[in-house]
Amino acid sequence: MARILVIDDNQDIHLILDEVLTEDGHVVDCADDGMIGLGMTEKVRYEIIITDIIMPNMDGIEVITEIKRRSPDVKIIAMTGGSQKLDKSLITSIAKAMHVEKVIGKPLDLDELRTTVRDILGS
């Protein structure tokens, strides 16, 4: 199927998405933050990158900006639960303006995620 990178500072998200996406036949790699994730994209070509927006060190907006600069055709799914400082709808609007394929809220709806991945892959 597809090679997918999950970038999120939450280990539980790694475990859940790795399990769900692997069950669907994908190869999944996980990164704990944006800097690590960007480093991984230099070594491996991913069809889809799923990134959290609110993360320490390098947030998802920075990650999306850099990935789109390097590889404009890579498909990106952004995840957000909002933050204490920023409204969830504002974060979602910013991500959509960056031309991500989909913004998914947290807590995650795994059926929505699976459908989004299938739609992106055209399968």
Protein backbone atom coordinates (compact mmCIF):
# COMPACT_ATOMS: atom_id res chain seq x y z
CA MET A 1 0.00 0.00 0.00
CA ALA A 2 1.75 3.20 1.19
CA ARG A 3 4.71 4.31 3.28
CA ILE A 4 3.33 6.64 5.98
CA LEU A 5 5.13 8.82 8.52
CA VAL A 6 3.37 9.77 11.76
CA ILE A 7 4.81 12.80 13.57
CA ASP A 8 3.41 13.31 17.06
CA ASP A 9 4.87 13.84 20.52
CA ASN A 10 2.30 11.44 22.03
CA GLN A 11 3.44 7.81 22.15
CA ASP A 12 -0.16 6.57 22.42
CA ILE A 13 -0.91 8.17 19.04
CA HIS A 14 2.11 6.35 17.59
CA LEU A 15 0.87 3.02 18.88
CA ILE A 16 -2.72 3.50 17.73
CA LEU A 17 -1.91 4.81 14.25
CA ASP A 18 0.84 2.25 13.71
CA GLU A 19 -1.56 -0.56 14.59
CA VAL A 20 -4.52 0.74 12.55
CA LEU A 21 -2.53 1.69 9.46
CA THR A 22 -0.43 -1.49 9.53
CA GLU A 23 -3.65 -3.52 9.69
CA ASP A 24 -4.66 -1.73 6.49
CA GLY A 25 -1.44 -2.89 4.82
CA HIS A 26 0.67 0.25 5.12
CA VAL A 27 4.27 0.59 6.30
CA VAL A 28 4.34 3.07 9.17
CA ASP A 29 7.24 4.99 10.70
CA CYS A 30 6.85 7.28 13.71
CA ALA A 31 8.72 10.37 14.89
CA ASP A 32 8.47 12.03 18.30
CA ASP A 33 8.77 15.59 17.01
CA GLY A 34 9.01 17.68 13.87
CA MET A 35 12.81 17.81 13.75
CA ILE A 36 13.09 14.03 13.86
CA GLY A 37 10.29 13.69 11.31
CA LEU A 38 11.96 16.07 8.87
CA GLY A 39 15.20 14.14 9.21
CA MET A 40 13.36 10.94 8.35
CA THR A 41 11.90 12.53 5.19
CA GLU A 42 15.45 13.11 3.95
CA LYS A 43 16.11 9.36 4.00
CA VAL A 44 12.75 7.86 3.01
CA ARG A 45 10.09 8.90 0.50
CA TYR A 46 6.69 8.91 2.20
CA GLU A 47 3.40 8.95 0.29
CA ILE A 48 1.55 10.37 3.28
CA ILE A 49 2.72 12.30 6.33
CA ILE A 50 0.38 12.58 9.31
CA THR A 51 1.50 15.31 11.68
CA ASP A 52 0.23 16.82 14.87
CA ILE A 53 0.05 20.62 14.84
CA ILE A 54 0.88 21.35 18.49
CA MET A 55 4.26 19.84 19.41
CA PRO A 56 7.35 20.99 21.30
CA ASN A 57 10.62 21.86 19.53
CA MET A 58 9.12 22.25 16.04
CA ASP A 59 5.37 22.57 15.64
CA GLY A 60 3.30 21.06 12.87
CA ILE A 61 2.94 24.34 10.97
CA GLU A 62 6.74 24.52 10.66
CA VAL A 63 6.84 20.85 9.65
CA ILE A 64 4.17 21.31 6.97
CA THR A 65 5.89 24.43 5.62
CA GLU A 66 9.23 22.68 5.30
CA ILE A 67 7.81 19.46 3.82
CA LYS A 68 5.79 21.41 1.23
CA ARG A 69 8.92 23.44 0.37
CA ARG A 70 11.01 20.31 -0.16
CA SER A 71 8.39 17.99 -1.65
CA PRO A 72 5.23 19.85 -2.71
CA ASP A 73 3.52 16.65 -3.90
CA VAL A 74 3.70 14.82 -0.56
CA LYS A 75 0.21 14.38 0.90
CA ILE A 76 -0.22 15.66 4.45
CA ILE A 77 -2.89 15.00 7.05
CA ALA A 78 -2.79 17.41 9.99
CA MET A 79 -4.11 16.49 13.43
CA THR A 80 -5.05 18.90 16.17
CA GLY A 81 -6.75 18.94 19.50
CA GLY A 82 -6.14 22.65 19.86
CA SER A 83 -4.12 24.13 22.65
CA GLN A 84 -4.59 26.26 25.73
CA LYS A 85 -3.24 29.30 23.86
CA LEU A 86 -4.78 28.82 20.41
CA ASP A 87 -8.33 28.10 19.37
CA LYS A 88 -8.83 24.79 17.56
CA SER A 89 -10.74 26.45 14.71
CA LEU A 90 -7.87 28.92 14.14
CA ILE A 91 -5.33 26.09 14.02
CA THR A 92 -7.56 24.17 11.59
CA SER A 93 -7.92 27.25 9.35
CA ILE A 94 -4.16 27.78 9.25
CA ALA A 95 -3.52 24.13 8.35
CA LYS A 96 -6.15 24.19 5.59
CA ALA A 97 -4.61 27.37 4.17
CA MET A 98 -1.35 25.44 3.87
CA HIS A 99 -3.02 23.02 1.46
CA VAL A 100 -2.96 19.91 3.58
CA GLU A 101 -5.23 17.17 2.32
CA LYS A 102 -7.25 16.98 5.54
CA VAL A 103 -7.33 18.31 9.08
CA ILE A 104 -8.53 15.75 11.62
CA GLY A 105 -9.46 16.66 15.17
CA LYS A 106 -8.37 14.92 18.32
CA PRO A 107 -9.54 12.72 19.82
CA LEU A 108 -9.08 10.88 16.57
CA ASP A 109 -11.90 9.28 14.65
CA LEU A 110 -10.08 6.24 13.28
CA ASP A 111 -12.74 5.57 10.64
CA GLU A 112 -12.31 9.12 9.35
CA LEU A 113 -8.53 8.66 9.29
CA ARG A 114 -8.79 5.37 7.38
CA THR A 115 -11.21 6.90 4.88
CA THR A 116 -8.94 9.90 4.40
CA VAL A 117 -5.91 7.70 3.75
CA ARG A 118 -7.88 5.58 1.24
CA ASP A 119 -9.17 8.71 -0.50
CA ILE A 120 -5.68 10.19 -0.77
CA LEU A 121 -4.34 6.95 -2.23
CA GLY A 122 -7.29 6.61 -4.56
CA SER A 123 -8.15 3.13 -3.31
